[in-house]
Amino acid sequence: MAVEGEVYFDFSDAELRALLIDCLALWNVEARVAAGGDGMLVDTAGGTFVVQRAAPELRPVRWSLQTPERRAANRPPRATPSIGALLAALRNALGAEGGNRLRIGVGVPAP
């Protein structure tokens, strides 16, 4: 869906679930991902993380992430402005390592 002055891409539940499963595999995190009444549930040994779409009136916020720690402290979910920010927040909350980074530049290759 396009909105005046911006481009907005919406994910179906199946696409969002597949994206989360792929990211968890890339990050070497064992978890189950399922659609729930509150959003996508990411069940890990450390607890359940909940990924939700933000309501349209909350724009520019597009996604929210509830972590076990935030829930235990009675804090609201973390708001994120993009799917990239959501995935970074989830990766950090899980304590997962990032993937390899592409670096472009002039230099001598490492031995």
PDB file of N, CA and C in Angstrom:
ATOM      1  N   MET A   1       0.850  -1.174   0.000  1.00  0.00           N
ATOM      2  CA  MET A   1       0.000   0.000   0.000  1.00  0.00           C
ATOM      3  C   MET A   1       0.895   1.235   0.000  1.00  0.00           C
ATOM      4  N   ALA A   2       0.658   2.168  -0.875  1.00  0.00           N
ATOM      5  CA  ALA A   2       1.439   3.404  -0.939  1.00  0.00           C
ATOM      6  C   ALA A   2       0.646   4.530  -0.285  1.00  0.00           C
ATOM      7  N   VAL A   3       1.330   5.360   0.462  1.00  0.00           N
ATOM      8  CA  VAL A   3       0.734   6.511   1.125  1.00  0.00           C
ATOM      9  C   VAL A   3       1.435   7.740   0.583  1.00  0.00           C
ATOM     10  N   GLU A   4       0.735   8.843   0.447  1.00  0.00           N
ATOM     11  CA  GLU A   4       1.326  10.056  -0.108  1.00  0.00           C
ATOM     12  C   GLU A   4       2.628  10.407   0.601  1.00  0.00           C
ATOM     13  N   GLY A   5       3.696  10.542  -0.191  1.00  0.00           N
ATOM     14  CA  GLY A   5       4.983  10.944   0.363  1.00  0.00           C
ATOM     15  C   GLY A   5       5.812   9.798   0.914  1.00  0.00           C
ATOM     16  N   GLU A   6       5.294   8.594   0.922  1.00  0.00           N
ATOM     17  CA  GLU A   6       6.064   7.470   1.432  1.00  0.00           C
ATOM     18  C   GLU A   6       5.607   6.188   0.757  1.00  0.00           C
ATOM     19  N   VAL A   7       6.432   5.181   0.868  1.00  0.00           N
ATOM     20  CA  VAL A   7       6.079   3.868   0.351  1.00  0.00           C
ATOM     21  C   VAL A   7       5.996   2.932   1.541  1.00  0.00           C
ATOM     22  N   TYR A   8       4.950   2.166   1.594  1.00  0.00           N
ATOM     23  CA  TYR A   8       4.727   1.272   2.716  1.00  0.00           C
ATOM     24  C   TYR A   8       4.480  -0.130   2.186  1.00  0.00           C
ATOM     25  N   PHE A   9       5.267  -1.074   2.639  1.00  0.00           N
ATOM     26  CA  PHE A   9       5.108  -2.457   2.221  1.00  0.00           C
ATOM     27  C   PHE A   9       4.538  -3.243   3.389  1.00  0.00           C
ATOM     28  N   ASP A  10       3.455  -3.946   3.143  1.00  0.00           N
ATOM     29  CA  ASP A  10       2.838  -4.751   4.182  1.00  0.00           C
ATOM     30  C   ASP A  10       3.174  -6.216   3.945  1.00  0.00           C
ATOM     31  N   PHE A  11       3.406  -6.937   4.995  1.00  0.00           N
ATOM     32  CA  PHE A  11       3.699  -8.353   4.930  1.00  0.00           C
ATOM     33  C   PHE A  11       2.452  -9.134   5.316  1.00  0.00           C
ATOM     34  N   SER A  12       2.191 -10.218   4.609  1.00  0.00           N
ATOM     35  CA  SER A  12       1.142 -11.129   5.054  1.00  0.00           C
ATOM     36  C   SER A  12       1.689 -11.870   6.276  1.00  0.00           C
ATOM     37  N   ASP A  13       0.819 -12.524   7.029  1.00  0.00           N
ATOM     38  CA  ASP A  13       1.292 -13.298   8.176  1.00  0.00           C
ATOM     39  C   ASP A  13       2.272 -14.378   7.733  1.00  0.00           C
ATOM     40  N   ALA A  14       1.986 -15.023   6.611  1.00  0.00           N
ATOM     41  CA  ALA A  14       2.871 -16.081   6.110  1.00  0.00           C
ATOM     42  C   ALA A  14       4.246 -15.513   5.742  1.00  0.00           C
ATOM     43  N   GLU A  15       4.281 -14.341   5.092  1.00  0.00           N
ATOM     44  CA  GLU A  15       5.551 -13.729   4.716  1.00  0.00           C
ATOM     45  C   GLU A  15       6.340 -13.289   5.946  1.00  0.00           C
ATOM     46  N   LEU A  16       5.655 -12.713   6.920  1.00  0.00           N
ATOM     47  CA  LEU A  16       6.327 -12.281   8.145  1.00  0.00           C
ATOM     48  C   LEU A  16       6.870 -13.486   8.903  1.00  0.00           C
ATOM     49  N   ARG A  17       6.088 -14.537   8.998  1.00  0.00           N
ATOM     50  CA  ARG A  17       6.534 -15.757   9.680  1.00  0.00           C
ATOM     51  C   ARG A  17       7.763 -16.330   8.978  1.00  0.00           C
ATOM     52  N   ALA A  18       7.731 -16.405   7.648  1.00  0.00           N
ATOM     53  CA  ALA A  18       8.866 -16.936   6.890  1.00  0.00           C
ATOM     54  C   ALA A  18      10.113 -16.071   7.092  1.00  0.00           C
ATOM     55  N   LEU A  19       9.942 -14.752   7.089  1.00  0.00           N
ATOM     56  CA  LEU A  19      11.071 -13.851   7.313  1.00  0.00           C
ATOM     57  C   LEU A  19      11.676 -14.072   8.698  1.00  0.00           C
ATOM     58  N   LEU A  20      10.843 -14.190   9.712  1.00  0.00           N
ATOM     59  CA  LEU A  20      11.345 -14.419  11.068  1.00  0.00           C
ATOM     60  C   LEU A  20      12.056 -15.764  11.176  1.00  0.00           C
ATOM     61  N   ILE A  21      11.504 -16.801  10.573  1.00  0.00           N
ATOM     62  CA  ILE A  21      12.144 -18.119  10.602  1.00  0.00           C
ATOM     63  C   ILE A  21      13.507 -18.062   9.928  1.00  0.00           C
ATOM     64  N   ASP A  22      13.589 -17.394   8.774  1.00  0.00           N
ATOM     65  CA  ASP A  22      14.863 -17.271   8.066  1.00  0.00           C
ATOM     66  C   ASP A  22      15.886 -16.502   8.886  1.00  0.00           C
ATOM     67  N   CYS A  23      15.460 -15.417   9.517  1.00  0.00           N
ATOM     68  CA  CYS A  23      16.387 -14.621  10.335  1.00  0.00           C
ATOM     69  C   CYS A  23      16.880 -15.415  11.534  1.00  0.00           C
ATOM     70  N   LEU A  24      15.997 -16.132  12.191  1.00  0.00           N
ATOM     71  CA  LEU A  24      16.396 -16.943  13.342  1.00  0.00           C
ATOM     72  C   LEU A  24      17.414 -18.002  12.933  1.00  0.00           C
ATOM     73  N   ALA A  25      17.215 -18.609  11.762  1.00  0.00           N
ATOM     74  CA  ALA A  25      18.177 -19.596  11.268  1.00  0.00           C
ATOM     75  C   ALA A  25      19.525 -18.932  10.982  1.00  0.00           C
ATOM     76  N   LEU A  26      19.505 -17.758  10.355  1.00  0.00           N
ATOM     77  CA  LEU A  26      20.731 -17.019  10.061  1.00  0.00           C
ATOM     78  C   LEU A  26      21.475 -16.666  11.341  1.00  0.00           C
ATOM     79  N   TRP A  27      20.728 -16.322  12.381  1.00  0.00           N
ATOM     80  CA  TRP A  27      21.328 -15.936  13.656  1.00  0.00           C
ATOM     81  C   TRP A  27      21.662 -17.127  14.550  1.00  0.00           C
ATOM     82  N   ASN A  28      21.375 -18.350  14.078  1.00  0.00           N
ATOM     83  CA  ASN A  28      21.612 -19.579  14.860  1.00  0.00           C
ATOM     84  C   ASN A  28      20.844 -19.572  16.182  1.00  0.00           C
ATOM     85  N   VAL A  29      19.587 -19.151  16.127  1.00  0.00           N
ATOM     86  CA  VAL A  29      18.719 -19.126  17.305  1.00  0.00           C
ATOM     87  C   VAL A  29      17.651 -20.195  17.138  1.00  0.00           C
ATOM     88  N   GLU A  30      17.563 -21.085  18.114  1.00  0.00           N
ATOM     89  CA  GLU A  30      16.523 -22.109  18.078  1.00  0.00           C
ATOM     90  C   GLU A  30      15.247 -21.515  18.640  1.00  0.00           C
ATOM     91  N   ALA A  31      14.211 -21.506  17.812  1.00  0.00           N
ATOM     92  CA  ALA A  31      12.934 -20.921  18.226  1.00  0.00           C
ATOM     93  C   ALA A  31      11.827 -21.443  17.324  1.00  0.00           C
ATOM     94  N   ARG A  32      10.609 -21.330  17.817  1.00  0.00           N
ATOM     95  CA  ARG A  32       9.421 -21.640  17.017  1.00  0.00           C
ATOM     96  C   ARG A  32       8.703 -20.332  16.774  1.00  0.00           C
ATOM     97  N   VAL A  33       8.168 -20.165  15.579  1.00  0.00           N
ATOM     98  CA  VAL A  33       7.428 -18.957  15.225  1.00  0.00           C
ATOM     99  C   VAL A  33       6.008 -19.381  14.849  1.00  0.00           C
ATOM    100  N   ALA A  34       5.030 -18.742  15.474  1.00  0.00           N
ATOM    101  CA  ALA A  34       3.630 -19.063  15.192  1.00  0.00           C
ATOM    102  C   ALA A  34       2.797 -17.792  15.255  1.00  0.00           C
ATOM    103  N   ALA A  35       1.757 -17.765  14.435  1.00  0.00           N
ATOM    104  CA  ALA A  35       0.810 -16.643  14.488  1.00  0.00           C
ATOM    105  C   ALA A  35      -0.067 -16.840  15.715  1.00  0.00           C
ATOM    106  N   GLY A  36      -0.215 -15.781  16.487  1.00  0.00           N
ATOM    107  CA  GLY A  36      -1.066 -15.819  17.673  1.00  0.00           C
ATOM    108  C   GLY A  36      -2.042 -14.658  17.644  1.00  0.00           C
ATOM    109  N   GLY A  37      -2.919 -14.616  18.589  1.00  0.00           N
ATOM    110  CA  GLY A  37      -3.896 -13.541  18.659  1.00  0.00           C
ATOM    111  C   GLY A  37      -3.271 -12.174  18.849  1.00  0.00           C
ATOM    112  N   ASP A  38      -2.084 -12.132  19.467  1.00  0.00           N
ATOM    113  CA  ASP A  38      -1.398 -10.869  19.732  1.00  0.00           C
ATOM    114  C   ASP A  38      -0.391 -10.501  18.660  1.00  0.00           C
ATOM    115  N   GLY A  39      -0.145 -11.371  17.706  1.00  0.00           N
ATOM    116  CA  GLY A  39       0.857 -11.130  16.674  1.00  0.00           C
ATOM    117  C   GLY A  39       1.639 -12.393  16.429  1.00  0.00           C
ATOM    118  N   MET A  40       2.868 -12.259  15.951  1.00  0.00           N
ATOM    119  CA  MET A  40       3.742 -13.413  15.744  1.00  0.00           C
ATOM    120  C   MET A  40       4.453 -13.727  17.048  1.00  0.00           C
ATOM    121  N   LEU A  41       4.338 -14.955  17.478  1.00  0.00           N
ATOM    122  CA  LEU A  41       4.968 -15.401  18.717  1.00  0.00           C
ATOM    123  C   LEU A  41       6.264 -16.117  18.375  1.00  0.00           C
ATOM    124  N   VAL A  42       7.347 -15.676  18.969  1.00  0.00           N
ATOM    125  CA  VAL A  42       8.657 -16.288  18.775  1.00  0.00           C
ATOM    126  C   VAL A  42       9.027 -16.938  20.102  1.00  0.00           C
ATOM    127  N   ASP A  43       8.867 -18.259  20.164  1.00  0.00           N
ATOM    128  CA  ASP A  43       9.122 -19.001  21.406  1.00  0.00           C
ATOM    129  C   ASP A  43      10.553 -19.506  21.431  1.00  0.00           C
ATOM    130  N   THR A  44      11.295 -19.088  22.450  1.00  0.00           N
ATOM    131  CA  THR A  44      12.682 -19.502  22.625  1.00  0.00           C
ATOM    132  C   THR A  44      12.843 -20.088  24.020  1.00  0.00           C
ATOM    133  N   ALA A  45      14.013 -20.635  24.298  1.00  0.00           N
ATOM    134  CA  ALA A  45      14.301 -21.143  25.634  1.00  0.00           C
ATOM    135  C   ALA A  45      14.251 -20.009  26.661  1.00  0.00           C
ATOM    136  N   GLY A  46      14.527 -18.780  26.223  1.00  0.00           N
ATOM    137  CA  GLY A  46      14.531 -17.625  27.117  1.00  0.00           C
ATOM    138  C   GLY A  46      13.174 -16.964  27.307  1.00  0.00           C
ATOM    139  N   GLY A  47      12.149 -17.469  26.632  1.00  0.00           N
ATOM    140  CA  GLY A  47      10.811 -16.886  26.768  1.00  0.00           C
ATOM    141  C   GLY A  47      10.180 -16.608  25.420  1.00  0.00           C
ATOM    142  N   THR A  48       9.035 -15.966  25.458  1.00  0.00           N
ATOM    143  CA  THR A  48       8.272 -15.674  24.248  1.00  0.00           C
ATOM    144  C   THR A  48       8.382 -14.197  23.897  1.00  0.00           C
ATOM    145  N   PHE A  49       8.757 -13.941  22.658  1.00  0.00           N
ATOM    146  CA  PHE A  49       8.830 -12.598  22.107  1.00  0.00           C
ATOM    147  C   PHE A  49       7.612 -12.435  21.206  1.00  0.00           C
ATOM    148  N   VAL A  50       7.008 -11.248  21.198  1.00  0.00           N
ATOM    149  CA  VAL A  50       5.816 -11.008  20.392  1.00  0.00           C
ATOM    150  C   VAL A  50       6.085  -9.857  19.428  1.00  0.00           C
ATOM    151  N   VAL A  51       5.904 -10.133  18.137  1.00  0.00           N
ATOM    152  CA  VAL A  51       6.048  -9.134  17.073  1.00  0.00           C
ATOM    153  C   VAL A  51       4.650  -8.741  16.628  1.00  0.00           C
ATOM    154  N   GLN A  52       4.357  -7.433  16.657  1.00  0.00           N
ATOM    155  CA  GLN A  52       3.030  -6.948  16.274  1.00  0.00           C
ATOM    156  C   GLN A  52       3.139  -5.815  15.273  1.00  0.00           C
ATOM    157  N   ARG A  53       2.133  -5.713  14.423  1.00  0.00           N
ATOM    158  CA  ARG A  53       2.001  -4.547  13.550  1.00  0.00           C
ATOM    159  C   ARG A  53       1.432  -3.408  14.391  1.00  0.00           C
ATOM    160  N   ALA A  54       1.937  -2.217  14.164  1.00  0.00           N
ATOM    161  CA  ALA A  54       1.406  -1.052  14.880  1.00  0.00           C
ATOM    162  C   ALA A  54       0.118  -0.587  14.210  1.00  0.00           C
ATOM    163  N   ALA A  55      -0.754   0.012  14.977  1.00  0.00           N
ATOM    164  CA  ALA A  55      -1.989   0.579  14.428  1.00  0.00           C
ATOM    165  C   ALA A  55      -1.641   1.744  13.504  1.00  0.00           C
ATOM    166  N   PRO A  56      -2.416   1.950  12.447  1.00  0.00           N
ATOM    167  CA  PRO A  56      -2.110   3.031  11.492  1.00  0.00           C
ATOM    168  C   PRO A  56      -1.986   4.413  12.135  1.00  0.00           C
ATOM    169  N   GLU A  57      -2.729   4.679  13.188  1.00  0.00           N
ATOM    170  CA  GLU A  57      -2.654   6.003  13.819  1.00  0.00           C
ATOM    171  C   GLU A  57      -1.354   6.231  14.588  1.00  0.00           C
ATOM    172  N   LEU A  58      -0.548   5.194  14.741  1.00  0.00           N
ATOM    173  CA  LEU A  58       0.730   5.331  15.446  1.00  0.00           C
ATOM    174  C   LEU A  58       1.893   5.639  14.509  1.00  0.00           C
ATOM    175  N   ARG A  59       1.633   5.824  13.209  1.00  0.00           N
ATOM    176  CA  ARG A  59       2.692   6.112  12.252  1.00  0.00           C
ATOM    177  C   ARG A  59       3.512   7.298  12.728  1.00  0.00           C
ATOM    178  N   PRO A  60       4.810   7.306  12.668  1.00  0.00           N
ATOM    179  CA  PRO A  60       5.657   6.485  11.835  1.00  0.00           C
ATOM    180  C   PRO A  60       6.010   5.124  12.435  1.00  0.00           C
ATOM    181  N   VAL A  61       5.518   4.795  13.621  1.00  0.00           N
ATOM    182  CA  VAL A  61       5.768   3.467  14.185  1.00  0.00           C
ATOM    183  C   VAL A  61       5.044   2.444  13.318  1.00  0.00           C
ATOM    184  N   ARG A  62       5.754   1.403  12.925  1.00  0.00           N
ATOM    185  CA  ARG A  62       5.150   0.369  12.078  1.00  0.00           C
ATOM    186  C   ARG A  62       5.060  -0.980  12.778  1.00  0.00           C
ATOM    187  N   TRP A  63       5.969  -1.230  13.713  1.00  0.00           N
ATOM    188  CA  TRP A  63       6.038  -2.526  14.372  1.00  0.00           C
ATOM    189  C   TRP A  63       6.296  -2.336  15.859  1.00  0.00           C
ATOM    190  N   SER A  64       5.923  -3.341  16.647  1.00  0.00           N
ATOM    191  CA  SER A  64       6.285  -3.327  18.059  1.00  0.00           C
ATOM    192  C   SER A  64       6.817  -4.701  18.439  1.00  0.00           C
ATOM    193  N   LEU A  65       7.683  -4.717  19.424  1.00  0.00           N
ATOM    194  CA  LEU A  65       8.316  -5.942  19.896  1.00  0.00           C
ATOM    195  C   LEU A  65       8.181  -6.011  21.410  1.00  0.00           C
ATOM    196  N   GLN A  66       7.523  -7.049  21.876  1.00  0.00           N
ATOM    197  CA  GLN A  66       7.428  -7.282  23.319  1.00  0.00           C
ATOM    198  C   GLN A  66       8.389  -8.405  23.664  1.00  0.00           C
ATOM    199  N   THR A  67       9.253  -8.153  24.628  1.00  0.00           N
ATOM    200  CA  THR A  67      10.221  -9.150  25.073  1.00  0.00           C
ATOM    201  C   THR A  67       9.793  -9.683  26.437  1.00  0.00           C
ATOM    202  N   PRO A  68      10.308 -10.845  26.827  1.00  0.00           N
ATOM    203  CA  PRO A  68       9.979 -11.355  28.156  1.00  0.00           C
ATOM    204  C   PRO A  68      10.378 -10.384  29.266  1.00  0.00           C
ATOM    205  N   GLU A  69      11.506  -9.710  29.093  1.00  0.00           N
ATOM    206  CA  GLU A  69      11.974  -8.770  30.123  1.00  0.00           C
ATOM    207  C   GLU A  69      11.043  -7.566  30.242  1.00  0.00           C
ATOM    208  N   ARG A  70      10.631  -7.014  29.111  1.00  0.00           N
ATOM    209  CA  ARG A  70       9.725  -5.848  29.136  1.00  0.00           C
ATOM    210  C   ARG A  70       8.374  -6.251  29.745  1.00  0.00           C
ATOM    211  N   ARG A  71       7.891  -7.437  29.369  1.00  0.00           N
ATOM    212  CA  ARG A  71       6.614  -7.912  29.899  1.00  0.00           C
ATOM    213  C   ARG A  71       6.699  -8.084  31.418  1.00  0.00           C
ATOM    214  N   ALA A  72       7.787  -8.694  31.909  1.00  0.00           N
ATOM    215  CA  ALA A  72       7.963  -8.919  33.349  1.00  0.00           C
ATOM    216  C   ALA A  72       8.043  -7.607  34.116  1.00  0.00           C
ATOM    217  N   ALA A  73       8.564  -6.555  33.484  1.00  0.00           N
ATOM    218  CA  ALA A  73       8.687  -5.240  34.126  1.00  0.00           C
ATOM    219  C   ALA A  73       7.452  -4.371  33.882  1.00  0.00           C
ATOM    220  N   ASN A  74       6.398  -4.946  33.284  1.00  0.00           N
ATOM    221  CA  ASN A  74       5.166  -4.214  32.949  1.00  0.00           C
ATOM    222  C   ASN A  74       5.439  -2.995  32.073  1.00  0.00           C
ATOM    223  N   ARG A  75       6.384  -3.143  31.151  1.00  0.00           N
ATOM    224  CA  ARG A  75       6.699  -2.078  30.206  1.00  0.00           C
ATOM    225  C   ARG A  75       5.994  -2.353  28.889  1.00  0.00           C
ATOM    226  N   PRO A  76       5.626  -1.318  28.165  1.00  0.00           N
ATOM    227  CA  PRO A  76       4.966  -1.532  26.868  1.00  0.00           C
ATOM    228  C   PRO A  76       5.958  -2.104  25.857  1.00  0.00           C
ATOM    229  N   PRO A  77       5.452  -2.658  24.763  1.00  0.00           N
ATOM    230  CA  PRO A  77       6.345  -3.157  23.724  1.00  0.00           C
ATOM    231  C   PRO A  77       7.202  -2.035  23.154  1.00  0.00           C
ATOM    232  N   ARG A  78       8.365  -2.420  22.650  1.00  0.00           N
ATOM    233  CA  ARG A  78       9.259  -1.450  22.013  1.00  0.00           C
ATOM    234  C   ARG A  78       8.711  -1.121  20.629  1.00  0.00           C
ATOM    235  N   ALA A  79       8.622   0.160  20.314  1.00  0.00           N
ATOM    236  CA  ALA A  79       8.125   0.613  19.012  1.00  0.00           C
ATOM    237  C   ALA A  79       9.295   0.742  18.048  1.00  0.00           C
ATOM    238  N   THR A  80       9.083   0.296  16.796  1.00  0.00           N
ATOM    239  CA  THR A  80      10.119   0.415  15.770  1.00  0.00           C
ATOM    240  C   THR A  80       9.514   0.983  14.492  1.00  0.00           C
ATOM    241  N   PRO A  81      10.285   1.777  13.755  1.00  0.00           N
ATOM    242  CA  PRO A  81       9.751   2.440  12.560  1.00  0.00           C
ATOM    243  C   PRO A  81       9.817   1.623  11.272  1.00  0.00           C
ATOM    244  N   SER A  82      10.522   0.484  11.297  1.00  0.00           N
ATOM    245  CA  SER A  82      10.689  -0.279  10.058  1.00  0.00           C
ATOM    246  C   SER A  82      10.912  -1.746  10.382  1.00  0.00           C
ATOM    247  N   ILE A  83      10.783  -2.589   9.350  1.00  0.00           N
ATOM    248  CA  ILE A  83      11.046  -4.009   9.546  1.00  0.00           C
ATOM    249  C   ILE A  83      12.514  -4.243   9.866  1.00  0.00           C
ATOM    250  N   GLY A  84      13.404  -3.444   9.279  1.00  0.00           N
ATOM    251  CA  GLY A  84      14.827  -3.566   9.578  1.00  0.00           C
ATOM    252  C   GLY A  84      15.134  -3.263  11.043  1.00  0.00           C
ATOM    253  N   ALA A  85      14.519  -2.200  11.557  1.00  0.00           N
ATOM    254  CA  ALA A  85      14.712  -1.844  12.968  1.00  0.00           C
ATOM    255  C   ALA A  85      14.113  -2.914  13.882  1.00  0.00           C
ATOM    256  N   LEU A  86      12.979  -3.471  13.485  1.00  0.00           N
ATOM    257  CA  LEU A  86      12.359  -4.546  14.268  1.00  0.00           C
ATOM    258  C   LEU A  86      13.281  -5.749  14.341  1.00  0.00           C
ATOM    259  N   LEU A  87      13.827  -6.168  13.194  1.00  0.00           N
ATOM    260  CA  LEU A  87      14.709  -7.328  13.174  1.00  0.00           C
ATOM    261  C   LEU A  87      15.983  -7.083  13.977  1.00  0.00           C
ATOM    262  N   ALA A  88      16.531  -5.878  13.904  1.00  0.00           N
ATOM    263  CA  ALA A  88      17.723  -5.553  14.701  1.00  0.00           C
ATOM    264  C   ALA A  88      17.396  -5.605  16.188  1.00  0.00           C
ATOM    265  N   ALA A  89      16.251  -5.074  16.582  1.00  0.00           N
ATOM    266  CA  ALA A  89      15.840  -5.098  17.991  1.00  0.00           C
ATOM    267  C   ALA A  89      15.623  -6.530  18.466  1.00  0.00           C
ATOM    268  N   LEU A  90      15.011  -7.354  17.625  1.00  0.00           N
ATOM    269  CA  LEU A  90      14.794  -8.756  17.989  1.00  0.00           C
ATOM    270  C   LEU A  90      16.120  -9.488  18.119  1.00  0.00           C
ATOM    271  N   ARG A  91      17.012  -9.299  17.147  1.00  0.00           N
ATOM    272  CA  ARG A  91      18.326  -9.945  17.206  1.00  0.00           C
ATOM    273  C   ARG A  91      19.067  -9.547  18.476  1.00  0.00           C
ATOM    274  N   ASN A  92      19.048  -8.263  18.807  1.00  0.00           N
ATOM    275  CA  ASN A  92      19.733  -7.796  20.019  1.00  0.00           C
ATOM    276  C   ASN A  92      19.082  -8.351  21.276  1.00  0.00           C
ATOM    277  N   ALA A  93      17.747  -8.384  21.314  1.00  0.00           N
ATOM    278  CA  ALA A  93      17.043  -8.902  22.485  1.00  0.00           C
ATOM    279  C   ALA A  93      17.318 -10.394  22.685  1.00  0.00           C
ATOM    280  N   LEU A  94      17.509 -11.119  21.587  1.00  0.00           N
ATOM    281  CA  LEU A  94      17.822 -12.542  21.668  1.00  0.00           C
ATOM    282  C   LEU A  94      19.283 -12.791  22.011  1.00  0.00           C
ATOM    283  N   GLY A  95      20.109 -11.755  21.931  1.00  0.00           N
ATOM    284  CA  GLY A  95      21.540 -11.910  22.176  1.00  0.00           C
ATOM    285  C   GLY A  95      22.234 -12.651  21.047  1.00  0.00           C
ATOM    286  N   ALA A  96      21.644 -12.580  19.855  1.00  0.00           N
ATOM    287  CA  ALA A  96      22.191 -13.302  18.704  1.00  0.00           C
ATOM    288  C   ALA A  96      23.287 -12.504  18.036  1.00  0.00           C
ATOM    289  N   GLU A  97      24.159 -13.228  17.365  1.00  0.00           N
ATOM    290  CA  GLU A  97      25.234 -12.603  16.609  1.00  0.00           C
ATOM    291  C   GLU A  97      24.703 -12.150  15.261  1.00  0.00           C
ATOM    292  N   GLY A  98      25.235 -11.064  14.755  1.00  0.00           N
ATOM    293  CA  GLY A  98      24.897 -10.627  13.408  1.00  0.00           C
ATOM    294  C   GLY A  98      25.613 -11.506  12.396  1.00  0.00           C
ATOM    295  N   GLY A  99      25.185 -11.460  11.183  1.00  0.00           N
ATOM    296  CA  GLY A  99      25.827 -12.233  10.121  1.00  0.00           C
ATOM    297  C   GLY A  99      27.123 -11.580   9.682  1.00  0.00           C
ATOM    298  N   ASN A 100      27.752 -12.162   8.679  1.00  0.00           N
ATOM    299  CA  ASN A 100      28.962 -11.577   8.105  1.00  0.00           C
ATOM    300  C   ASN A 100      28.619 -10.243   7.470  1.00  0.00           C
ATOM    301  N   ARG A 101      29.529  -9.298   7.565  1.00  0.00           N
ATOM    302  CA  ARG A 101      29.317  -7.982   6.976  1.00  0.00           C
ATOM    303  C   ARG A 101      30.182  -7.823   5.749  1.00  0.00           C
ATOM    304  N   LEU A 102      29.597  -7.296   4.728  1.00  0.00           N
ATOM    305  CA  LEU A 102      30.328  -7.008   3.506  1.00  0.00           C
ATOM    306  C   LEU A 102      31.047  -5.673   3.690  1.00  0.00           C
ATOM    307  N   ARG A 103      32.332  -5.680   3.443  1.00  0.00           N
ATOM    308  CA  ARG A 103      33.105  -4.444   3.548  1.00  0.00           C
ATOM    309  C   ARG A 103      33.771  -4.197   2.209  1.00  0.00           C
ATOM    310  N   ILE A 104      33.602  -3.014   1.697  1.00  0.00           N
ATOM    311  CA  ILE A 104      34.168  -2.651   0.420  1.00  0.00           C
ATOM    312  C   ILE A 104      35.204  -1.568   0.637  1.00  0.00           C
ATOM    313  N   GLY A 105      36.381  -1.779   0.109  1.00  0.00           N
ATOM    314  CA  GLY A 105      37.435  -0.787   0.267  1.00  0.00           C
ATOM    315  C   GLY A 105      38.731  -1.305  -0.295  1.00  0.00           C
ATOM    316  N   VAL A 106      39.715  -0.442  -0.269  1.00  0.00           N
ATOM    317  CA  VAL A 106      41.030  -0.812  -0.766  1.00  0.00           C
ATOM    318  C   VAL A 106      41.856  -1.244   0.435  1.00  0.00           C
ATOM    319  N   GLY A 107      42.522  -2.317   0.276  1.00  0.00           N
ATOM    320  CA  GLY A 107      43.351  -2.787   1.366  1.00  0.00           C
ATOM    321  C   GLY A 107      43.984  -4.126   1.039  1.00  0.00           C
ATOM    322  N   VAL A 108      44.754  -4.593   1.946  1.00  0.00           N
ATOM    323  CA  VAL A 108      45.424  -5.875   1.782  1.00  0.00           C
ATOM    324  C   VAL A 108      44.596  -6.931   2.468  1.00  0.00           C
ATOM    325  N   PRO A 109      44.302  -8.061   1.792  1.00  0.00           N
ATOM    326  CA  PRO A 109      43.535  -9.117   2.430  1.00  0.00           C
ATOM    327  C   PRO A 109      44.255  -9.659   3.658  1.00  0.00           C
ATOM    328  N   ALA A 110      43.506 -10.052   4.612  1.00  0.00           N
ATOM    329  CA  ALA A 110      44.076 -10.623   5.831  1.00  0.00           C
ATOM    330  C   ALA A 110      44.747 -11.953   5.510  1.00  0.00           C
ATOM    331  N   PRO A 111      45.850 -12.279   6.190  1.00  0.00           N
ATOM    332  CA  PRO A 111      46.572 -13.546   5.908  1.00  0.00           C
ATOM    333  C   PRO A 111      45.740 -14.737   6.322  1.00  0.00           C
TER     334      PRO A 111
END
